[in-house]
Every structure is written in structure tokens, then in C-alpha cells.
């Protein structure tokens, strides 16, 4: 039985894809942040959030990722974002891949969010008139962050060899 040249190449491509995916996953886990802040703008694919409202992480507000805007929350004036996994995110961010709310409530402007997010590149939006803003993008789901980062890096899954190549002897 003769070995085709496609088989080792396909196996190498699959291994390279898996290694790249695992590196992206590790980077996402290392860069995860707690996004806790006020919703400023709502888009079909996510929310612009002013993060840094650390007192949203207190009970009973931390029972759900979505907190009504009627909650009392303030932002610490001199808060600086740390560089450790799981620290509080500070500043404007775009949050995507949102979970469904248990209460079927939909996010509204000036509500709050408290959720762990994984880095997923950047997001550019129009804030007022024609003013464009670019902010960090976070995904609330790790698989979504991995997919977005893989797409940004141009990493494509390997294409399996055509069936004819597998049948040749």
C-alpha cells in the first residue's frame, strides 16, 4: 500500500491548527478580565460598556451578569487595571457573545453588566455623528473569543484531502 503525500501534510496541518488554537486559548485565558460597568451603547452583536464599577461585584448584584440601571453603583476614581488574569477591566470595551439572561430581560442603555470576558481583538464603532472609536473587544464565551482571534490571525482549519486521494493504492 503506497503512502500519498497528502496524508502527512494533512496531519501536519491539523497539528499546526490545533497548536495555534491551543496557544490562542491560553492567551485568552491569560488575558481574561472582569467586565463590570455601565452599558453605554447597544449593537446587534454586543454592548459598549464603561467598565470599572467594582462595587457591582458585591452580593446580591453579582447573582446575574445583567444588573438593572436602578442599582446604586459608582466607579472608583483612580482605578488602574491590573495585568493578572481575572482582574477588573477598566475603560470602554465592547462585549460580545453575551449569555441569555435567566429572567429574559434584555440589556438596556445604562443597565450594568458583571461578567468575565476574554480578549477578542478590537472593535470600531461610531459613537456620535461621524466620530469613530476603537475599543478593546471581549467575548463573554471562551470558544467565541478563540474563534474571533483565530479569524483575526488568518488561521483556517485544515481542509481534508479529497476522497479520491484516500482511495488510491
N, C-alpha and C. Protein backbone atom coordinates (compact mmCIF):
# COMPACT_ATOMS: atom_id res chain seq x y z
N UNK A 1 0.85 -1.18 0.00
CA UNK A 1 0.00 0.00 0.00
C UNK A 1 0.90 1.24 0.00
N UNK A 2 0.75 2.08 -0.98
CA UNK A 2 1.59 3.26 -1.12
C UNK A 2 1.01 4.40 -0.30
N UNK A 3 1.89 5.15 0.30
CA UNK A 3 1.51 6.31 1.11
C UNK A 3 1.45 7.52 0.20
N UNK A 4 0.37 8.30 0.25
CA UNK A 4 0.29 9.51 -0.57
C UNK A 4 0.95 10.65 0.18
N UNK A 5 1.34 11.66 -0.56
CA UNK A 5 1.98 12.83 0.04
C UNK A 5 0.98 13.69 0.80
N UNK A 6 -0.34 13.53 0.50
CA UNK A 6 -1.37 14.36 1.13
C UNK A 6 -1.56 13.99 2.60
N UNK A 7 -1.40 12.74 2.95
CA UNK A 7 -1.71 12.30 4.31
C UNK A 7 -0.80 12.95 5.35
N UNK A 8 0.54 12.91 5.21
CA UNK A 8 1.37 13.57 6.22
C UNK A 8 1.14 15.08 6.26
N UNK A 9 0.92 15.67 5.09
CA UNK A 9 0.68 17.12 5.05
C UNK A 9 -0.62 17.45 5.77
N UNK A 10 -1.66 16.67 5.55
CA UNK A 10 -2.94 16.91 6.22
C UNK A 10 -2.77 16.74 7.74
N UNK A 11 -2.00 15.73 8.13
CA UNK A 11 -1.77 15.52 9.57
C UNK A 11 -0.98 16.68 10.16
N UNK A 12 0.02 17.15 9.45
CA UNK A 12 0.81 18.30 9.93
C UNK A 12 -0.05 19.55 10.01
N UNK A 13 -0.90 19.76 9.01
CA UNK A 13 -1.79 20.92 9.02
C UNK A 13 -2.75 20.85 10.21
N UNK A 14 -3.28 19.67 10.46
CA UNK A 14 -4.20 19.51 11.60
C UNK A 14 -3.48 19.77 12.91
N UNK A 15 -2.25 19.27 13.04
CA UNK A 15 -1.47 19.50 14.26
C UNK A 15 -1.15 20.98 14.42
N UNK A 16 -0.76 21.64 13.33
CA UNK A 16 -0.45 23.07 13.39
C UNK A 16 -1.69 23.88 13.78
N UNK A 17 -2.84 23.51 13.23
CA UNK A 17 -4.10 24.19 13.55
C UNK A 17 -4.42 24.03 15.03
N UNK A 18 -4.29 22.81 15.55
CA UNK A 18 -4.58 22.54 16.96
C UNK A 18 -3.60 23.27 17.88
N UNK A 19 -2.32 23.31 17.50
CA UNK A 19 -1.32 24.02 18.31
C UNK A 19 -1.61 25.52 18.33
N UNK A 20 -1.96 26.08 17.17
CA UNK A 20 -2.28 27.51 17.10
C UNK A 20 -3.53 27.81 17.92
N UNK A 21 -4.52 26.93 17.83
CA UNK A 21 -5.76 27.12 18.60
C UNK A 21 -5.47 27.05 20.09
N UNK A 22 -4.63 26.12 20.52
CA UNK A 22 -4.31 25.98 21.94
C UNK A 22 -3.55 27.21 22.44
N UNK A 23 -2.66 27.77 21.62
CA UNK A 23 -1.93 28.99 22.00
C UNK A 23 -2.90 30.15 22.16
N UNK A 24 -3.83 30.29 21.22
CA UNK A 24 -4.83 31.36 21.30
C UNK A 24 -5.69 31.17 22.55
N UNK A 25 -6.08 29.93 22.84
CA UNK A 25 -6.88 29.65 24.03
C UNK A 25 -6.12 30.06 25.29
N UNK A 26 -4.84 29.69 25.37
CA UNK A 26 -4.03 30.03 26.54
C UNK A 26 -3.91 31.55 26.68
N UNK A 27 -3.73 32.26 25.56
CA UNK A 27 -3.64 33.72 25.60
C UNK A 27 -4.96 34.35 26.06
N UNK A 28 -6.07 33.78 25.61
CA UNK A 28 -7.39 34.29 26.03
C UNK A 28 -7.60 34.09 27.53
N UNK A 29 -7.24 32.91 28.02
CA UNK A 29 -7.41 32.64 29.46
C UNK A 29 -6.49 33.56 30.26
N UNK A 30 -5.28 33.77 29.79
CA UNK A 30 -4.33 34.65 30.47
C UNK A 30 -4.80 36.11 30.47
N UNK A 31 -5.49 36.52 29.40
CA UNK A 31 -5.93 37.91 29.26
C UNK A 31 -7.35 38.18 29.75
N UNK A 32 -7.98 37.19 30.38
CA UNK A 32 -9.38 37.39 30.79
C UNK A 32 -9.49 38.50 31.84
N UNK A 33 -10.62 39.20 31.77
CA UNK A 33 -10.88 40.31 32.67
C UNK A 33 -12.32 40.24 33.16
N UNK A 34 -12.58 40.87 34.29
CA UNK A 34 -13.95 41.04 34.78
C UNK A 34 -14.45 42.36 34.22
N UNK A 35 -15.47 42.29 33.39
CA UNK A 35 -16.09 43.49 32.83
C UNK A 35 -17.26 43.81 33.74
N UNK A 36 -17.13 44.91 34.47
CA UNK A 36 -18.19 45.32 35.40
C UNK A 36 -18.42 46.82 35.19
N UNK A 37 -19.50 47.12 34.50
CA UNK A 37 -19.72 48.53 34.21
C UNK A 37 -21.07 48.82 33.60
N UNK A 38 -21.21 50.05 33.20
CA UNK A 38 -22.46 50.60 32.67
C UNK A 38 -22.52 50.42 31.16
N UNK A 39 -23.67 49.97 30.66
CA UNK A 39 -23.89 49.84 29.22
C UNK A 39 -24.12 51.23 28.65
N UNK A 40 -23.30 51.61 27.69
CA UNK A 40 -23.44 52.92 27.06
C UNK A 40 -24.14 52.85 25.71
N UNK A 41 -23.89 51.78 24.97
CA UNK A 41 -24.45 51.66 23.63
C UNK A 41 -24.72 50.19 23.35
N UNK A 42 -25.82 49.92 22.65
CA UNK A 42 -26.21 48.55 22.32
C UNK A 42 -26.16 48.38 20.81
N UNK A 43 -25.48 47.32 20.37
CA UNK A 43 -25.40 46.95 18.97
C UNK A 43 -25.97 45.54 18.82
N UNK A 44 -26.34 45.15 17.60
CA UNK A 44 -26.87 43.79 17.41
C UNK A 44 -25.89 42.70 17.85
N UNK A 45 -24.59 42.97 17.74
CA UNK A 45 -23.60 41.94 18.07
C UNK A 45 -22.92 42.16 19.42
N UNK A 46 -23.38 43.13 20.22
CA UNK A 46 -22.77 43.31 21.53
C UNK A 46 -23.06 44.67 22.14
N UNK A 47 -22.31 44.97 23.21
CA UNK A 47 -22.53 46.17 24.02
C UNK A 47 -21.25 46.95 24.20
N UNK A 48 -21.34 48.26 24.17
CA UNK A 48 -20.23 49.11 24.60
C UNK A 48 -20.44 49.38 26.08
N UNK A 49 -19.42 49.04 26.87
CA UNK A 49 -19.53 49.12 28.33
C UNK A 49 -18.41 49.99 28.87
N UNK A 50 -18.75 50.89 29.80
CA UNK A 50 -17.76 51.65 30.55
C UNK A 50 -17.45 50.83 31.79
N UNK A 51 -16.36 50.07 31.76
CA UNK A 51 -16.04 49.13 32.83
C UNK A 51 -15.20 49.78 33.92
N UNK A 52 -15.32 49.25 35.12
CA UNK A 52 -14.56 49.74 36.25
C UNK A 52 -15.41 50.00 37.48
N UNK A 53 -16.66 49.60 37.44
CA UNK A 53 -17.57 49.76 38.58
C UNK A 53 -17.43 48.54 39.49
N UNK A 54 -16.39 48.52 40.28
CA UNK A 54 -16.06 47.33 41.07
C UNK A 54 -17.10 47.00 42.13
N UNK A 55 -17.86 47.98 42.59
CA UNK A 55 -18.85 47.66 43.63
C UNK A 55 -20.06 46.91 43.08
N UNK A 56 -20.09 46.64 41.76
CA UNK A 56 -21.13 45.79 41.19
C UNK A 56 -20.87 44.31 41.49
N UNK A 57 -19.68 44.01 41.98
CA UNK A 57 -19.32 42.62 42.24
C UNK A 57 -19.77 42.18 43.64
N UNK A 58 -20.53 43.00 44.33
CA UNK A 58 -20.98 42.66 45.68
C UNK A 58 -22.33 41.94 45.61
N UNK A 59 -22.61 41.07 46.61
CA UNK A 59 -23.93 40.45 46.68
C UNK A 59 -24.97 41.52 46.99
N UNK A 60 -26.14 41.46 46.56
CA UNK A 60 -26.77 40.47 45.69
C UNK A 60 -26.62 40.80 44.21
N UNK A 61 -25.89 41.86 43.87
CA UNK A 61 -25.78 42.27 42.47
C UNK A 61 -25.02 41.26 41.62
N UNK A 62 -24.16 40.46 42.23
CA UNK A 62 -23.34 39.53 41.47
C UNK A 62 -24.03 38.21 41.16
N UNK A 63 -25.32 38.13 41.37
CA UNK A 63 -26.09 36.90 41.10
C UNK A 63 -26.40 36.74 39.62
N UNK A 64 -26.38 37.81 38.86
CA UNK A 64 -26.68 37.77 37.44
C UNK A 64 -25.67 38.63 36.69
N UNK A 65 -25.44 38.33 35.43
CA UNK A 65 -24.49 39.12 34.64
C UNK A 65 -25.09 40.47 34.25
N UNK A 66 -26.42 40.58 34.29
CA UNK A 66 -27.11 41.81 33.91
C UNK A 66 -27.77 42.40 35.15
N UNK A 67 -27.40 43.64 35.47
CA UNK A 67 -27.91 44.32 36.66
C UNK A 67 -28.72 45.53 36.20
N UNK A 68 -29.93 45.73 36.74
CA UNK A 68 -30.74 46.88 36.32
C UNK A 68 -30.03 48.21 36.60
N UNK A 69 -30.33 49.18 35.78
CA UNK A 69 -29.73 50.50 35.93
C UNK A 69 -30.15 51.21 37.20
N UNK A 70 -31.16 50.70 37.89
CA UNK A 70 -31.61 51.32 39.15
C UNK A 70 -30.68 51.00 40.31
N UNK A 71 -29.76 50.05 40.13
CA UNK A 71 -28.82 49.69 41.20
C UNK A 71 -27.88 50.87 41.47
N UNK A 72 -27.48 51.00 42.70
CA UNK A 72 -26.53 52.04 43.07
C UNK A 72 -25.10 51.53 42.82
N UNK A 73 -24.41 52.17 41.91
CA UNK A 73 -23.05 51.76 41.59
C UNK A 73 -22.22 53.00 41.28
N UNK A 74 -21.00 52.99 41.74
CA UNK A 74 -20.09 54.10 41.46
C UNK A 74 -18.77 53.54 40.95
N UNK A 75 -18.08 54.39 40.27
CA UNK A 75 -16.79 54.00 39.72
C UNK A 75 -15.69 54.55 40.61
N UNK A 76 -14.69 53.71 40.91
CA UNK A 76 -13.56 54.19 41.69
C UNK A 76 -12.79 55.20 40.84
N UNK A 77 -12.47 56.37 41.40
CA UNK A 77 -11.87 57.43 40.58
C UNK A 77 -10.46 57.12 40.08
N UNK A 78 -9.64 56.43 40.84
CA UNK A 78 -8.24 56.22 40.44
C UNK A 78 -7.92 54.75 40.18
N UNK A 79 -8.91 53.99 39.71
CA UNK A 79 -8.73 52.57 39.47
C UNK A 79 -7.80 52.33 38.29
N UNK A 80 -6.84 51.45 38.47
CA UNK A 80 -5.89 51.08 37.41
C UNK A 80 -6.06 49.60 37.15
N UNK A 81 -6.12 49.25 35.88
CA UNK A 81 -6.29 47.85 35.50
C UNK A 81 -5.01 47.07 35.74
N UNK A 82 -5.15 45.94 36.38
CA UNK A 82 -4.00 45.06 36.62
C UNK A 82 -3.66 44.26 35.37
N UNK A 83 -2.61 43.46 35.47
CA UNK A 83 -2.17 42.65 34.34
C UNK A 83 -2.31 41.16 34.62
N UNK A 84 -3.03 40.80 35.68
CA UNK A 84 -3.20 39.41 36.04
C UNK A 84 -4.52 38.90 35.44
N UNK A 85 -4.59 37.59 35.18
CA UNK A 85 -5.86 37.03 34.70
C UNK A 85 -6.96 37.24 35.75
N UNK A 86 -8.12 37.65 35.29
CA UNK A 86 -9.26 37.81 36.18
C UNK A 86 -9.34 39.13 36.91
N UNK A 87 -8.46 40.08 36.60
CA UNK A 87 -8.56 41.39 37.26
C UNK A 87 -9.67 42.21 36.60
N UNK A 88 -10.03 43.30 37.23
CA UNK A 88 -11.11 44.15 36.75
C UNK A 88 -10.64 44.93 35.53
N UNK A 89 -11.47 44.92 34.50
CA UNK A 89 -11.22 45.67 33.27
C UNK A 89 -11.62 47.13 33.52
N UNK A 90 -10.81 48.05 33.02
CA UNK A 90 -11.08 49.48 33.23
C UNK A 90 -11.16 50.18 31.87
N UNK A 91 -12.20 50.99 31.71
CA UNK A 91 -12.34 51.78 30.50
C UNK A 91 -13.43 51.27 29.58
N UNK A 92 -13.51 51.88 28.40
CA UNK A 92 -14.52 51.48 27.43
C UNK A 92 -14.10 50.18 26.76
N UNK A 93 -15.04 49.26 26.66
CA UNK A 93 -14.80 47.99 25.98
C UNK A 93 -16.07 47.61 25.21
N UNK A 94 -15.89 46.72 24.25
CA UNK A 94 -17.02 46.14 23.54
C UNK A 94 -17.16 44.71 24.01
N UNK A 95 -18.34 44.33 24.44
CA UNK A 95 -18.60 42.99 24.97
C UNK A 95 -19.54 42.25 24.02
N UNK A 96 -19.09 41.08 23.55
CA UNK A 96 -19.87 40.29 22.61
C UNK A 96 -20.08 38.88 23.17
N UNK A 97 -20.83 38.06 22.47
CA UNK A 97 -21.14 36.69 22.87
C UNK A 97 -21.79 36.67 24.25
N UNK A 98 -22.80 37.48 24.40
CA UNK A 98 -23.49 37.63 25.68
C UNK A 98 -24.33 36.40 26.00
N UNK A 99 -24.39 36.03 27.27
CA UNK A 99 -25.28 34.91 27.65
C UNK A 99 -26.73 35.37 27.63
N UNK A 100 -27.60 34.41 27.60
CA UNK A 100 -29.02 34.75 27.71
C UNK A 100 -29.32 35.02 29.17
N UNK A 101 -30.12 36.01 29.42
CA UNK A 101 -30.50 36.36 30.78
C UNK A 101 -31.52 35.35 31.30
N UNK A 102 -31.35 34.92 32.56
CA UNK A 102 -32.30 33.96 33.16
C UNK A 102 -33.70 34.55 33.24
N UNK A 103 -33.78 35.83 33.45
CA UNK A 103 -35.09 36.47 33.62
C UNK A 103 -35.66 36.94 32.29
N UNK A 104 -35.02 36.62 31.19
CA UNK A 104 -35.44 37.04 29.85
C UNK A 104 -35.38 38.56 29.68
N UNK A 105 -34.71 39.23 30.60
CA UNK A 105 -34.54 40.68 30.47
C UNK A 105 -33.50 40.97 29.40
N UNK A 106 -33.73 42.00 28.65
CA UNK A 106 -32.78 42.40 27.62
C UNK A 106 -31.97 43.58 28.13
N UNK A 107 -30.68 43.63 27.76
CA UNK A 107 -29.87 44.78 28.17
C UNK A 107 -30.44 46.08 27.60
N UNK A 108 -30.40 47.11 28.43
CA UNK A 108 -30.84 48.44 28.02
C UNK A 108 -29.72 49.43 28.33
N UNK A 109 -29.70 50.56 27.62
CA UNK A 109 -28.70 51.56 27.96
C UNK A 109 -28.78 51.94 29.44
N UNK A 110 -27.63 52.07 30.05
CA UNK A 110 -27.44 52.46 31.44
C UNK A 110 -27.74 51.35 32.45
N UNK A 111 -28.06 50.14 31.97
CA UNK A 111 -28.02 48.98 32.85
C UNK A 111 -26.55 48.67 33.09
N UNK A 112 -26.28 47.70 33.94
CA UNK A 112 -24.91 47.31 34.26
C UNK A 112 -24.67 45.85 33.88
N UNK A 113 -23.41 45.51 33.65
CA UNK A 113 -23.02 44.13 33.42
C UNK A 113 -21.89 43.77 34.39
N UNK A 114 -21.88 42.52 34.79
CA UNK A 114 -20.79 41.96 35.60
C UNK A 114 -20.53 40.58 35.03
N UNK A 115 -19.44 40.45 34.28
CA UNK A 115 -19.19 39.18 33.59
C UNK A 115 -17.71 39.05 33.26
N UNK A 116 -17.24 37.82 33.21
CA UNK A 116 -15.86 37.57 32.81
C UNK A 116 -15.80 37.59 31.29
N UNK A 117 -14.82 38.32 30.76
CA UNK A 117 -14.66 38.42 29.32
C UNK A 117 -13.26 38.00 28.90
N UNK A 118 -13.18 37.48 27.68
CA UNK A 118 -11.91 37.02 27.11
C UNK A 118 -11.54 37.92 25.95
N UNK A 119 -10.27 38.33 25.85
CA UNK A 119 -9.88 39.27 24.80
C UNK A 119 -10.16 38.72 23.41
N UNK A 120 -10.69 39.58 22.55
CA UNK A 120 -11.06 39.17 21.19
C UNK A 120 -10.77 40.30 20.21
N UNK A 121 -9.60 40.89 20.29
CA UNK A 121 -9.22 41.93 19.33
C UNK A 121 -9.77 43.29 19.70
N UNK A 122 -10.12 44.03 18.66
CA UNK A 122 -10.63 45.38 18.84
C UNK A 122 -11.95 45.53 18.09
N UNK A 123 -12.69 46.58 18.43
CA UNK A 123 -13.97 46.85 17.79
C UNK A 123 -14.04 48.35 17.52
N UNK A 124 -14.42 48.71 16.32
CA UNK A 124 -14.57 50.12 15.96
C UNK A 124 -16.06 50.40 15.73
N UNK A 125 -16.53 51.46 16.35
CA UNK A 125 -17.93 51.84 16.20
C UNK A 125 -18.04 53.35 16.07
N UNK A 126 -19.19 53.81 15.62
CA UNK A 126 -19.47 55.24 15.51
C UNK A 126 -20.16 55.66 16.79
N UNK A 127 -19.51 56.56 17.55
CA UNK A 127 -20.09 56.96 18.84
C UNK A 127 -21.11 58.07 18.67
N UNK A 128 -20.72 59.18 18.08
CA UNK A 128 -21.63 60.31 17.88
C UNK A 128 -21.33 60.90 16.50
N UNK A 129 -22.38 61.09 15.71
CA UNK A 129 -22.18 61.66 14.39
C UNK A 129 -21.27 60.77 13.56
N UNK A 130 -20.11 61.31 13.18
CA UNK A 130 -19.17 60.53 12.38
C UNK A 130 -17.91 60.16 13.16
N UNK A 131 -17.94 60.37 14.47
CA UNK A 131 -16.77 60.07 15.30
C UNK A 131 -16.64 58.56 15.49
N UNK A 132 -15.50 58.04 15.07
CA UNK A 132 -15.21 56.61 15.19
C UNK A 132 -14.37 56.38 16.44
N UNK A 133 -14.72 55.33 17.19
CA UNK A 133 -13.94 54.94 18.37
C UNK A 133 -13.54 53.49 18.20
N UNK A 134 -12.32 53.18 18.58
CA UNK A 134 -11.84 51.81 18.59
C UNK A 134 -11.55 51.43 20.03
N UNK A 135 -12.16 50.34 20.47
CA UNK A 135 -12.02 49.89 21.85
C UNK A 135 -11.65 48.41 21.86
N UNK A 136 -11.20 47.95 23.01
CA UNK A 136 -10.90 46.52 23.14
C UNK A 136 -12.20 45.73 23.09
N UNK A 137 -12.13 44.58 22.44
CA UNK A 137 -13.30 43.70 22.37
C UNK A 137 -13.07 42.50 23.27
N UNK A 138 -14.10 42.14 24.05
CA UNK A 138 -14.07 40.97 24.89
C UNK A 138 -15.29 40.11 24.54
N UNK A 139 -15.09 38.81 24.58
CA UNK A 139 -16.19 37.88 24.38
C UNK A 139 -16.51 37.23 25.71
N UNK A 140 -17.80 37.11 26.01
CA UNK A 140 -18.21 36.50 27.28
C UNK A 140 -18.12 34.98 27.23
N UNK A 141 -17.82 34.42 26.06
CA UNK A 141 -17.67 32.98 25.91
C UNK A 141 -16.28 32.68 25.34
N UNK A 142 -15.55 31.81 26.00
CA UNK A 142 -14.20 31.46 25.56
C UNK A 142 -14.16 30.91 24.14
N UNK A 143 -15.05 29.98 23.74
CA UNK A 143 -14.99 29.49 22.36
C UNK A 143 -15.16 30.60 21.31
N UNK A 144 -16.00 31.58 21.62
CA UNK A 144 -16.18 32.70 20.69
C UNK A 144 -14.91 33.53 20.61
N UNK A 145 -14.27 33.79 21.73
CA UNK A 145 -13.01 34.55 21.73
C UNK A 145 -11.94 33.82 20.92
N UNK A 146 -11.87 32.50 21.08
CA UNK A 146 -10.89 31.71 20.33
C UNK A 146 -11.17 31.82 18.83
N UNK A 147 -12.44 31.67 18.43
CA UNK A 147 -12.80 31.76 17.02
C UNK A 147 -12.48 33.13 16.45
N UNK A 148 -12.82 34.19 17.16
CA UNK A 148 -12.55 35.55 16.68
C UNK A 148 -11.05 35.76 16.52
N UNK A 149 -10.26 35.38 17.52
CA UNK A 149 -8.81 35.57 17.45
C UNK A 149 -8.18 34.72 16.35
N UNK A 150 -8.71 33.52 16.15
CA UNK A 150 -8.20 32.67 15.08
C UNK A 150 -8.49 33.30 13.73
N UNK A 151 -9.70 33.83 13.56
CA UNK A 151 -10.06 34.51 12.31
C UNK A 151 -9.18 35.74 12.09
N UNK A 152 -8.94 36.52 13.15
CA UNK A 152 -8.09 37.71 13.02
C UNK A 152 -6.67 37.35 12.61
N UNK A 153 -6.19 36.19 13.08
CA UNK A 153 -4.84 35.74 12.75
C UNK A 153 -4.79 35.03 11.40
N UNK A 154 -5.94 34.82 10.77
CA UNK A 154 -5.98 34.16 9.48
C UNK A 154 -5.71 32.66 9.55
N UNK A 155 -5.97 32.06 10.70
CA UNK A 155 -5.73 30.63 10.88
C UNK A 155 -7.00 29.88 10.48
N UNK A 156 -6.88 29.08 9.44
CA UNK A 156 -8.02 28.34 8.91
C UNK A 156 -7.88 26.86 9.29
N UNK A 157 -9.01 26.18 9.52
CA UNK A 157 -8.92 24.75 9.80
C UNK A 157 -8.41 24.01 8.56
N UNK A 158 -7.71 22.91 8.77
CA UNK A 158 -7.19 22.18 7.61
C UNK A 158 -8.33 21.60 6.78
N UNK A 159 -8.10 21.58 5.48
CA UNK A 159 -9.08 21.02 4.56
C UNK A 159 -8.74 19.54 4.38
N UNK A 160 -9.70 18.65 4.61
CA UNK A 160 -9.39 17.23 4.43
C UNK A 160 -9.10 16.94 2.97
N UNK A 161 -8.22 15.94 2.72
CA UNK A 161 -7.92 15.60 1.33
C UNK A 161 -9.16 15.06 0.63
N UNK A 162 -9.23 15.22 -0.68
CA UNK A 162 -10.40 14.70 -1.40
C UNK A 162 -10.47 13.18 -1.28
N UNK A 163 -11.67 12.61 -1.32
CA UNK A 163 -11.82 11.17 -1.14
C UNK A 163 -11.02 10.36 -2.15
N UNK A 164 -10.85 10.85 -3.37
CA UNK A 164 -10.09 10.12 -4.39
C UNK A 164 -8.65 9.89 -3.95
N UNK A 165 -8.06 10.86 -3.24
CA UNK A 165 -6.67 10.73 -2.80
C UNK A 165 -6.56 9.65 -1.73
N UNK A 166 -7.60 9.46 -0.94
CA UNK A 166 -7.57 8.44 0.10
C UNK A 166 -7.75 7.04 -0.47
N UNK A 167 -8.48 6.93 -1.60
CA UNK A 167 -8.76 5.62 -2.17
C UNK A 167 -7.64 5.08 -3.05
N UNK A 168 -6.71 5.95 -3.49
CA UNK A 168 -5.65 5.49 -4.39
C UNK A 168 -4.70 4.55 -3.66
N UNK A 169 -4.29 3.50 -4.35
CA UNK A 169 -3.43 2.49 -3.72
C UNK A 169 -2.15 2.34 -4.47
